[in-house]
Amino acid sequence: MFNKPQDAADLSGFLKENQMIAPFVNYPVKTAKSIIRLTASAAHTDQQIDQLPAILEIWKKTRLEKMQ
């Protein structure tokens, strides 16, 4: 969950740049939260699924560097 919709949108865009579709969604209740929706299917390869944590780590590192 993200407090700022722009943070969720940024992650969604970063994932798209890395060939992963994960749309951000405003949380469907009266809060200022947003979420990223990840869905795996039988069509995904083990390699694609294994790449996700590494790509998220890169995003996290990049985000932390921007905050400094």
PDB file of N, CA and C in Angstrom:
ATOM      1  N   MET A   1       0.832  -1.178   0.000  1.00  0.00           N
ATOM      2  CA  MET A   1       0.000   0.000   0.000  1.00  0.00           C
ATOM      3  C   MET A   1       0.879   1.244   0.000  1.00  0.00           C
ATOM      4  N   PHE A   2       0.426   2.230  -0.693  1.00  0.00           N
ATOM      5  CA  PHE A   2       1.150   3.485  -0.813  1.00  0.00           C
ATOM      6  C   PHE A   2       0.285   4.619  -0.273  1.00  0.00           C
ATOM      7  N   ASN A   3       0.907   5.535   0.433  1.00  0.00           N
ATOM      8  CA  ASN A   3       0.184   6.705   0.927  1.00  0.00           C
ATOM      9  C   ASN A   3      -0.056   7.719  -0.185  1.00  0.00           C
ATOM     10  N   LYS A   4       0.844   7.756  -1.155  1.00  0.00           N
ATOM     11  CA  LYS A   4       0.726   8.711  -2.251  1.00  0.00           C
ATOM     12  C   LYS A   4       0.451   7.949  -3.550  1.00  0.00           C
ATOM     13  N   PRO A   5      -0.636   8.282  -4.241  1.00  0.00           N
ATOM     14  CA  PRO A   5      -0.931   7.613  -5.506  1.00  0.00           C
ATOM     15  C   PRO A   5       0.218   7.714  -6.509  1.00  0.00           C
ATOM     16  N   GLN A   6       0.957   8.820  -6.488  1.00  0.00           N
ATOM     17  CA  GLN A   6       2.057   8.992  -7.440  1.00  0.00           C
ATOM     18  C   GLN A   6       3.151   7.948  -7.216  1.00  0.00           C
ATOM     19  N   ASP A   7       3.380   7.556  -5.952  1.00  0.00           N
ATOM     20  CA  ASP A   7       4.383   6.520  -5.674  1.00  0.00           C
ATOM     21  C   ASP A   7       3.963   5.187  -6.298  1.00  0.00           C
ATOM     22  N   ALA A   8       2.686   4.866  -6.180  1.00  0.00           N
ATOM     23  CA  ALA A   8       2.180   3.634  -6.792  1.00  0.00           C
ATOM     24  C   ALA A   8       2.267   3.723  -8.314  1.00  0.00           C
ATOM     25  N   ALA A   9       1.938   4.877  -8.857  1.00  0.00           N
ATOM     26  CA  ALA A   9       2.017   5.072 -10.311  1.00  0.00           C
ATOM     27  C   ALA A   9       3.454   4.957 -10.786  1.00  0.00           C
ATOM     28  N   ASP A  10       4.396   5.495 -10.011  1.00  0.00           N
ATOM     29  CA  ASP A  10       5.817   5.402 -10.376  1.00  0.00           C
ATOM     30  C   ASP A  10       6.280   3.947 -10.422  1.00  0.00           C
ATOM     31  N   LEU A  11       5.895   3.159  -9.418  1.00  0.00           N
ATOM     32  CA  LEU A  11       6.278   1.746  -9.411  1.00  0.00           C
ATOM     33  C   LEU A  11       5.626   1.018 -10.583  1.00  0.00           C
ATOM     34  N   SER A  12       4.369   1.289 -10.836  1.00  0.00           N
ATOM     35  CA  SER A  12       3.682   0.661 -11.963  1.00  0.00           C
ATOM     36  C   SER A  12       4.402   0.972 -13.273  1.00  0.00           C
ATOM     37  N   GLY A  13       4.802   2.230 -13.458  1.00  0.00           N
ATOM     38  CA  GLY A  13       5.533   2.622 -14.668  1.00  0.00           C
ATOM     39  C   GLY A  13       6.887   1.959 -14.759  1.00  0.00           C
ATOM     40  N   PHE A  14       7.591   1.866 -13.625  1.00  0.00           N
ATOM     41  CA  PHE A  14       8.900   1.214 -13.600  1.00  0.00           C
ATOM     42  C   PHE A  14       8.769  -0.258 -13.987  1.00  0.00           C
ATOM     43  N   LEU A  15       7.767  -0.916 -13.447  1.00  0.00           N
ATOM     44  CA  LEU A  15       7.556  -2.323 -13.794  1.00  0.00           C
ATOM     45  C   LEU A  15       7.225  -2.473 -15.277  1.00  0.00           C
ATOM     46  N   LYS A  16       6.423  -1.560 -15.809  1.00  0.00           N
ATOM     47  CA  LYS A  16       6.081  -1.618 -17.232  1.00  0.00           C
ATOM     48  C   LYS A  16       7.329  -1.471 -18.101  1.00  0.00           C
ATOM     49  N   GLU A  17       8.241  -0.565 -17.691  1.00  0.00           N
ATOM     50  CA  GLU A  17       9.503  -0.401 -18.410  1.00  0.00           C
ATOM     51  C   GLU A  17      10.326  -1.690 -18.400  1.00  0.00           C
ATOM     52  N   ASN A  18      10.082  -2.536 -17.409  1.00  0.00           N
ATOM     53  CA  ASN A  18      10.793  -3.803 -17.272  1.00  0.00           C
ATOM     54  C   ASN A  18       9.924  -4.982 -17.705  1.00  0.00           C
ATOM     55  N   GLN A  19       8.987  -4.714 -18.622  1.00  0.00           N
ATOM     56  CA  GLN A  19       8.132  -5.718 -19.241  1.00  0.00           C
ATOM     57  C   GLN A  19       7.238  -6.472 -18.246  1.00  0.00           C
ATOM     58  N   MET A  20       6.805  -5.778 -17.186  1.00  0.00           N
ATOM     59  CA  MET A  20       5.865  -6.371 -16.237  1.00  0.00           C
ATOM     60  C   MET A  20       4.683  -5.428 -16.104  1.00  0.00           C
ATOM     61  N   ILE A  21       3.507  -5.957 -16.289  1.00  0.00           N
ATOM     62  CA  ILE A  21       2.308  -5.148 -16.191  1.00  0.00           C
ATOM     63  C   ILE A  21       1.737  -5.327 -14.787  1.00  0.00           C
ATOM     64  N   ALA A  22       1.737  -4.235 -14.020  1.00  0.00           N
ATOM     65  CA  ALA A  22       1.205  -4.238 -12.659  1.00  0.00           C
ATOM     66  C   ALA A  22       0.539  -2.884 -12.436  1.00  0.00           C
ATOM     67  N   PRO A  23      -0.727  -2.782 -12.780  1.00  0.00           N
ATOM     68  CA  PRO A  23      -1.403  -1.489 -12.662  1.00  0.00           C
ATOM     69  C   PRO A  23      -1.563  -1.048 -11.217  1.00  0.00           C
ATOM     70  N   PHE A  24      -1.545   0.267 -11.012  1.00  0.00           N
ATOM     71  CA  PHE A  24      -1.836   0.761  -9.679  1.00  0.00           C
ATOM     72  C   PHE A  24      -3.313   1.071  -9.594  1.00  0.00           C
ATOM     73  N   VAL A  25      -3.841   0.888  -8.398  1.00  0.00           N
ATOM     74  CA  VAL A  25      -5.273   1.040  -8.188  1.00  0.00           C
ATOM     75  C   VAL A  25      -5.473   1.871  -6.921  1.00  0.00           C
ATOM     76  N   ASN A  26      -6.352   2.857  -6.998  1.00  0.00           N
ATOM     77  CA  ASN A  26      -6.721   3.551  -5.776  1.00  0.00           C
ATOM     78  C   ASN A  26      -7.509   2.578  -4.910  1.00  0.00           C
ATOM     79  N   TYR A  27      -7.145   2.484  -3.652  1.00  0.00           N
ATOM     80  CA  TYR A  27      -7.805   1.545  -2.751  1.00  0.00           C
ATOM     81  C   TYR A  27      -9.297   1.851  -2.717  1.00  0.00           C
ATOM     82  N   PRO A  28     -10.134   0.847  -2.864  1.00  0.00           N
ATOM     83  CA  PRO A  28     -11.569   1.079  -3.076  1.00  0.00           C
ATOM     84  C   PRO A  28     -12.387   1.442  -1.828  1.00  0.00           C
ATOM     85  N   VAL A  29     -11.785   2.139  -0.903  1.00  0.00           N
ATOM     86  CA  VAL A  29     -12.527   2.653   0.249  1.00  0.00           C
ATOM     87  C   VAL A  29     -12.088   4.090   0.465  1.00  0.00           C
ATOM     88  N   LYS A  30     -12.672   4.759   1.399  1.00  0.00           N
ATOM     89  CA  LYS A  30     -12.368   6.175   1.617  1.00  0.00           C
ATOM     90  C   LYS A  30     -11.059   6.347   2.388  1.00  0.00           C
ATOM     91  N   THR A  31      -9.969   6.034   1.742  1.00  0.00           N
ATOM     92  CA  THR A  31      -8.638   6.288   2.291  1.00  0.00           C
ATOM     93  C   THR A  31      -7.806   6.904   1.181  1.00  0.00           C
ATOM     94  N   ALA A  32      -6.682   7.400   1.554  1.00  0.00           N
ATOM     95  CA  ALA A  32      -5.780   7.983   0.549  1.00  0.00           C
ATOM     96  C   ALA A  32      -4.727   6.965   0.141  1.00  0.00           C
ATOM     97  N   LYS A  33      -5.054   5.701   0.183  1.00  0.00           N
ATOM     98  CA  LYS A  33      -4.106   4.635  -0.126  1.00  0.00           C
ATOM     99  C   LYS A  33      -4.254   4.167  -1.571  1.00  0.00           C
ATOM    100  N   SER A  34      -3.143   3.701  -2.121  1.00  0.00           N
ATOM    101  CA  SER A  34      -3.148   3.084  -3.447  1.00  0.00           C
ATOM    102  C   SER A  34      -2.408   1.759  -3.336  1.00  0.00           C
ATOM    103  N   ILE A  35      -2.714   0.845  -4.232  1.00  0.00           N
ATOM    104  CA  ILE A  35      -2.056  -0.460  -4.237  1.00  0.00           C
ATOM    105  C   ILE A  35      -1.536  -0.771  -5.634  1.00  0.00           C
ATOM    106  N   ILE A  36      -0.629  -1.727  -5.684  1.00  0.00           N
ATOM    107  CA  ILE A  36      -0.160  -2.288  -6.952  1.00  0.00           C
ATOM    108  C   ILE A  36      -0.771  -3.680  -7.049  1.00  0.00           C
ATOM    109  N   ARG A  37      -1.351  -3.974  -8.175  1.00  0.00           N
ATOM    110  CA  ARG A  37      -1.994  -5.266  -8.345  1.00  0.00           C
ATOM    111  C   ARG A  37      -1.080  -6.191  -9.143  1.00  0.00           C
ATOM    112  N   LEU A  38      -0.599  -7.241  -8.500  1.00  0.00           N
ATOM    113  CA  LEU A  38       0.252  -8.244  -9.154  1.00  0.00           C
ATOM    114  C   LEU A  38      -0.537  -9.538  -9.281  1.00  0.00           C
ATOM    115  N   THR A  39      -0.508 -10.111 -10.447  1.00  0.00           N
ATOM    116  CA  THR A  39      -1.203 -11.365 -10.688  1.00  0.00           C
ATOM    117  C   THR A  39      -0.290 -12.285 -11.489  1.00  0.00           C
ATOM    118  N   ALA A  40      -0.091 -13.470 -10.976  1.00  0.00           N
ATOM    119  CA  ALA A  40       0.688 -14.479 -11.706  1.00  0.00           C
ATOM    120  C   ALA A  40      -0.287 -15.481 -12.319  1.00  0.00           C
ATOM    121  N   SER A  41       0.106 -16.025 -13.448  1.00  0.00           N
ATOM    122  CA  SER A  41      -0.738 -17.032 -14.097  1.00  0.00           C
ATOM    123  C   SER A  41       0.136 -18.202 -14.548  1.00  0.00           C
ATOM    124  N   ALA A  42      -0.511 -19.239 -14.979  1.00  0.00           N
ATOM    125  CA  ALA A  42       0.208 -20.418 -15.471  1.00  0.00           C
ATOM    126  C   ALA A  42       1.013 -20.089 -16.726  1.00  0.00           C
ATOM    127  N   ALA A  43       0.688 -18.998 -17.386  1.00  0.00           N
ATOM    128  CA  ALA A  43       1.420 -18.596 -18.588  1.00  0.00           C
ATOM    129  C   ALA A  43       2.766 -17.947 -18.274  1.00  0.00           C
ATOM    130  N   HIS A  44       2.973 -17.525 -17.035  1.00  0.00           N
ATOM    131  CA  HIS A  44       4.253 -16.939 -16.658  1.00  0.00           C
ATOM    132  C   HIS A  44       5.291 -18.036 -16.457  1.00  0.00           C
ATOM    133  N   THR A  45       6.504 -17.735 -16.900  1.00  0.00           N
ATOM    134  CA  THR A  45       7.586 -18.698 -16.719  1.00  0.00           C
ATOM    135  C   THR A  45       8.183 -18.532 -15.318  1.00  0.00           C
ATOM    136  N   ASP A  46       8.906 -19.549 -14.877  1.00  0.00           N
ATOM    137  CA  ASP A  46       9.606 -19.449 -13.588  1.00  0.00           C
ATOM    138  C   ASP A  46      10.576 -18.275 -13.615  1.00  0.00           C
ATOM    139  N   GLN A  47      11.220 -18.054 -14.732  1.00  0.00           N
ATOM    140  CA  GLN A  47      12.178 -16.948 -14.862  1.00  0.00           C
ATOM    141  C   GLN A  47      11.476 -15.606 -14.667  1.00  0.00           C
ATOM    142  N   GLN A  48      10.313 -15.431 -15.262  1.00  0.00           N
ATOM    143  CA  GLN A  48       9.578 -14.171 -15.107  1.00  0.00           C
ATOM    144  C   GLN A  48       9.208 -13.938 -13.642  1.00  0.00           C
ATOM    145  N   ILE A  49       8.750 -14.969 -12.992  1.00  0.00           N
ATOM    146  CA  ILE A  49       8.370 -14.843 -11.587  1.00  0.00           C
ATOM    147  C   ILE A  49       9.594 -14.580 -10.718  1.00  0.00           C
ATOM    148  N   ASP A  50      10.697 -15.244 -11.025  1.00  0.00           N
ATOM    149  CA  ASP A  50      11.926 -15.038 -10.255  1.00  0.00           C
ATOM    150  C   ASP A  50      12.507 -13.637 -10.459  1.00  0.00           C
ATOM    151  N   GLN A  51      12.226 -12.997 -11.569  1.00  0.00           N
ATOM    152  CA  GLN A  51      12.755 -11.659 -11.850  1.00  0.00           C
ATOM    153  C   GLN A  51      12.085 -10.580 -11.011  1.00  0.00           C
ATOM    154  N   LEU A  52      10.856 -10.793 -10.610  1.00  0.00           N
ATOM    155  CA  LEU A  52      10.107  -9.742  -9.926  1.00  0.00           C
ATOM    156  C   LEU A  52      10.810  -9.218  -8.673  1.00  0.00           C
ATOM    157  N   PRO A  53      11.251 -10.054  -7.744  1.00  0.00           N
ATOM    158  CA  PRO A  53      11.927  -9.504  -6.557  1.00  0.00           C
ATOM    159  C   PRO A  53      13.176  -8.686  -6.904  1.00  0.00           C
ATOM    160  N   ALA A  54      13.938  -9.113  -7.886  1.00  0.00           N
ATOM    161  CA  ALA A  54      15.142  -8.379  -8.282  1.00  0.00           C
ATOM    162  C   ALA A  54      14.771  -7.009  -8.857  1.00  0.00           C
ATOM    163  N   ILE A  55      13.728  -6.960  -9.665  1.00  0.00           N
ATOM    164  CA  ILE A  55      13.295  -5.695 -10.247  1.00  0.00           C
ATOM    165  C   ILE A  55      12.761  -4.767  -9.158  1.00  0.00           C
ATOM    166  N   LEU A  56      12.041  -5.324  -8.189  1.00  0.00           N
ATOM    167  CA  LEU A  56      11.550  -4.504  -7.078  1.00  0.00           C
ATOM    168  C   LEU A  56      12.706  -3.950  -6.244  1.00  0.00           C
ATOM    169  N   GLU A  57      13.757  -4.729  -6.063  1.00  0.00           N
ATOM    170  CA  GLU A  57      14.940  -4.254  -5.332  1.00  0.00           C
ATOM    171  C   GLU A  57      15.604  -3.087  -6.064  1.00  0.00           C
ATOM    172  N   ILE A  58      15.684  -3.180  -7.381  1.00  0.00           N
ATOM    173  CA  ILE A  58      16.270  -2.092  -8.172  1.00  0.00           C
ATOM    174  C   ILE A  58      15.424  -0.832  -7.999  1.00  0.00           C
ATOM    175  N   TRP A  59      14.102  -0.969  -8.068  1.00  0.00           N
ATOM    176  CA  TRP A  59      13.214   0.179  -7.891  1.00  0.00           C
ATOM    177  C   TRP A  59      13.399   0.791  -6.503  1.00  0.00           C
ATOM    178  N   LYS A  60      13.457  -0.062  -5.488  1.00  0.00           N
ATOM    179  CA  LYS A  60      13.624   0.414  -4.118  1.00  0.00           C
ATOM    180  C   LYS A  60      14.942   1.176  -3.962  1.00  0.00           C
ATOM    181  N   LYS A  61      16.021   0.629  -4.499  1.00  0.00           N
ATOM    182  CA  LYS A  61      17.327   1.280  -4.407  1.00  0.00           C
ATOM    183  C   LYS A  61      17.302   2.627  -5.130  1.00  0.00           C
ATOM    184  N   THR A  62      16.722   2.652  -6.316  1.00  0.00           N
ATOM    185  CA  THR A  62      16.623   3.888  -7.099  1.00  0.00           C
ATOM    186  C   THR A  62      15.800   4.930  -6.342  1.00  0.00           C
ATOM    187  N   ARG A  63      14.710   4.498  -5.748  1.00  0.00           N
ATOM    188  CA  ARG A  63      13.840   5.408  -4.991  1.00  0.00           C
ATOM    189  C   ARG A  63      14.571   5.979  -3.778  1.00  0.00           C
ATOM    190  N   LEU A  64      15.301   5.137  -3.072  1.00  0.00           N
ATOM    191  CA  LEU A  64      16.029   5.609  -1.898  1.00  0.00           C
ATOM    192  C   LEU A  64      17.113   6.606  -2.297  1.00  0.00           C
ATOM    193  N   GLU A  65      17.783   6.360  -3.427  1.00  0.00           N
ATOM    194  CA  GLU A  65      18.811   7.281  -3.890  1.00  0.00           C
ATOM    195  C   GLU A  65      18.211   8.639  -4.239  1.00  0.00           C
ATOM    196  N   LYS A  66      17.021   8.668  -4.793  1.00  0.00           N
ATOM    197  CA  LYS A  66      16.357   9.917  -5.140  1.00  0.00           C
ATOM    198  C   LYS A  66      15.955  10.700  -3.894  1.00  0.00           C
ATOM    199  N   MET A  67      15.695  10.002  -2.793  1.00  0.00           N
ATOM    200  CA  MET A  67      15.271  10.644  -1.566  1.00  0.00           C
ATOM    201  C   MET A  67      16.434  11.306  -0.825  1.00  0.00           C
ATOM    202  N   GLN A  68      17.644  10.904  -1.148  1.00  0.00           N
ATOM    203  CA  GLN A  68      18.814  11.444  -0.433  1.00  0.00           C
ATOM    204  C   GLN A  68      19.298  12.723  -1.039  1.00  0.00           C
TER     205      GLN A  68
END
